[in-house]
Amino acid sequence: MRFKALAERYQHVIRFGLYGHTHNERPNLVRSVSDSKNIGINFVAGSVTTETNKNPSFHVLEIDAEFFTIVNI
């Protein structure tokens, strides 16, 4: 709840969150505390090491230089 409140307050500064590591990748929308609007996106990246029956992960992010937003993953 505290993270969401901070993300909402600073949504003009925070463009996206990039976290790791898990062995399952997943994008995650950040919703506003007050009105449930989408205010950001987080991406939990997979591990670069293997785990049973899973491949290692590697990502290249293209980021817009002016707006600092993800253009392509």
C-alpha atoms as a PDB file:
ATOM      1  CA  MET A   1       0.000   0.000   0.000  1.00  0.00           C
ATOM      2  CA  ARG A   2       2.841   2.410   0.824  1.00  0.00           C
ATOM      3  CA  PHE A   3       4.576   1.685  -2.499  1.00  0.00           C
ATOM      4  CA  LYS A   4       1.364   2.409  -4.394  1.00  0.00           C
ATOM      5  CA  ALA A   5       0.923   5.708  -2.556  1.00  0.00           C
ATOM      6  CA  LEU A   6       4.504   6.728  -3.409  1.00  0.00           C
ATOM      7  CA  ALA A   7       4.105   5.594  -7.024  1.00  0.00           C
ATOM      8  CA  GLU A   8       0.928   7.655  -7.307  1.00  0.00           C
ATOM      9  CA  ARG A   9       2.501  10.738  -5.750  1.00  0.00           C
ATOM     10  CA  TYR A  10       5.588  10.580  -7.996  1.00  0.00           C
ATOM     11  CA  GLN A  11       4.032   9.161 -11.169  1.00  0.00           C
ATOM     12  CA  HIS A  12       5.383  12.165 -13.087  1.00  0.00           C
ATOM     13  CA  VAL A  13       8.913  10.989 -12.173  1.00  0.00           C
ATOM     14  CA  ILE A  14       8.690   7.171 -11.943  1.00  0.00           C
ATOM     15  CA  ARG A  15       8.368   5.786 -15.470  1.00  0.00           C
ATOM     16  CA  PHE A  16       8.607   2.063 -14.739  1.00  0.00           C
ATOM     17  CA  GLY A  17      10.009  -0.391 -12.227  1.00  0.00           C
ATOM     18  CA  LEU A  18      12.388  -3.189 -13.136  1.00  0.00           C
ATOM     19  CA  TYR A  19      12.869  -5.915 -10.565  1.00  0.00           C
ATOM     20  CA  GLY A  20      14.546  -9.299 -10.410  1.00  0.00           C
ATOM     21  CA  HIS A  21      15.103 -12.026  -9.858  1.00  0.00           C
ATOM     22  CA  THR A  22      12.402 -14.636  -9.975  1.00  0.00           C
ATOM     23  CA  HIS A  23      12.249 -17.704 -12.129  1.00  0.00           C
ATOM     24  CA  ASN A  24       8.961 -16.537 -13.617  1.00  0.00           C
ATOM     25  CA  GLU A  25       8.792 -13.281 -15.585  1.00  0.00           C
ATOM     26  CA  ARG A  26       5.772 -11.075 -15.237  1.00  0.00           C
ATOM     27  CA  PRO A  27       4.651  -7.551 -16.030  1.00  0.00           C
ATOM     28  CA  ASN A  28       2.605  -5.841 -13.350  1.00  0.00           C
ATOM     29  CA  LEU A  29       0.380  -2.763 -13.628  1.00  0.00           C
ATOM     30  CA  VAL A  30       0.541  -0.239 -10.805  1.00  0.00           C
ATOM     31  CA  ARG A  31      -2.875   1.151  -9.990  1.00  0.00           C
ATOM     32  CA  SER A  32      -3.705   4.368  -8.191  1.00  0.00           C
ATOM     33  CA  VAL A  33      -4.779   4.059  -4.560  1.00  0.00           C
ATOM     34  CA  SER A  34      -7.482   6.706  -4.879  1.00  0.00           C
ATOM     35  CA  ASP A  35      -9.265   5.855  -8.141  1.00  0.00           C
ATOM     36  CA  SER A  36      -7.767   2.589  -9.485  1.00  0.00           C
ATOM     37  CA  LYS A  37      -6.320   4.216 -12.632  1.00  0.00           C
ATOM     38  CA  ASN A  38      -3.249   2.621 -14.209  1.00  0.00           C
ATOM     39  CA  ILE A  39      -0.328   4.855 -13.252  1.00  0.00           C
ATOM     40  CA  GLY A  40       2.696   2.729 -14.092  1.00  0.00           C
ATOM     41  CA  ILE A  41       4.163  -0.607 -14.984  1.00  0.00           C
ATOM     42  CA  ASN A  42       6.642  -2.860 -13.228  1.00  0.00           C
ATOM     43  CA  PHE A  43       8.458  -5.739 -14.833  1.00  0.00           C
ATOM     44  CA  VAL A  44       9.799  -8.609 -12.754  1.00  0.00           C
ATOM     45  CA  ALA A  45      12.602 -10.140 -14.789  1.00  0.00           C
ATOM     46  CA  GLY A  46      13.545 -13.774 -14.746  1.00  0.00           C
ATOM     47  CA  SER A  47      16.836 -15.115 -13.489  1.00  0.00           C
ATOM     48  CA  VAL A  48      19.873 -15.499 -15.741  1.00  0.00           C
ATOM     49  CA  THR A  49      20.548 -18.831 -14.046  1.00  0.00           C
ATOM     50  CA  THR A  50      18.622 -21.978 -14.821  1.00  0.00           C
ATOM     51  CA  GLU A  51      16.203 -23.832 -12.621  1.00  0.00           C
ATOM     52  CA  THR A  52      14.657 -27.244 -13.186  1.00  0.00           C
ATOM     53  CA  ASN A  53      12.648 -27.227 -16.441  1.00  0.00           C
ATOM     54  CA  LYS A  54      13.155 -23.472 -16.992  1.00  0.00           C
ATOM     55  CA  ASN A  55      15.418 -21.540 -19.323  1.00  0.00           C
ATOM     56  CA  PRO A  56      17.631 -18.626 -18.285  1.00  0.00           C
ATOM     57  CA  SER A  57      16.308 -15.153 -19.029  1.00  0.00           C
ATOM     58  CA  PHE A  58      17.827 -12.255 -20.937  1.00  0.00           C
ATOM     59  CA  HIS A  59      16.086  -9.028 -21.969  1.00  0.00           C
ATOM     60  CA  VAL A  60      16.952  -5.997 -24.009  1.00  0.00           C
ATOM     61  CA  LEU A  61      14.862  -2.932 -23.210  1.00  0.00           C
ATOM     62  CA  GLU A  62      14.533  -0.086 -25.694  1.00  0.00           C
ATOM     63  CA  ILE A  63      13.776   3.137 -23.832  1.00  0.00           C
ATOM     64  CA  ASP A  64      12.626   6.430 -25.324  1.00  0.00           C
ATOM     65  CA  ALA A  65      15.423   8.942 -24.585  1.00  0.00           C
ATOM     66  CA  GLU A  66      13.094  11.905 -24.183  1.00  0.00           C
ATOM     67  CA  PHE A  67      10.296  10.428 -22.055  1.00  0.00           C
ATOM     68  CA  PHE A  68      12.162   7.514 -20.411  1.00  0.00           C
ATOM     69  CA  THR A  69       9.408   5.046 -21.232  1.00  0.00           C
ATOM     70  CA  ILE A  70       9.787   1.500 -22.499  1.00  0.00           C
ATOM     71  CA  VAL A  71       9.343   1.311 -26.273  1.00  0.00           C
ATOM     72  CA  ASN A  72      10.140  -2.358 -26.799  1.00  0.00           C
ATOM     73  CA  ILE A  73      11.181  -5.401 -24.760  1.00  0.00           C
END
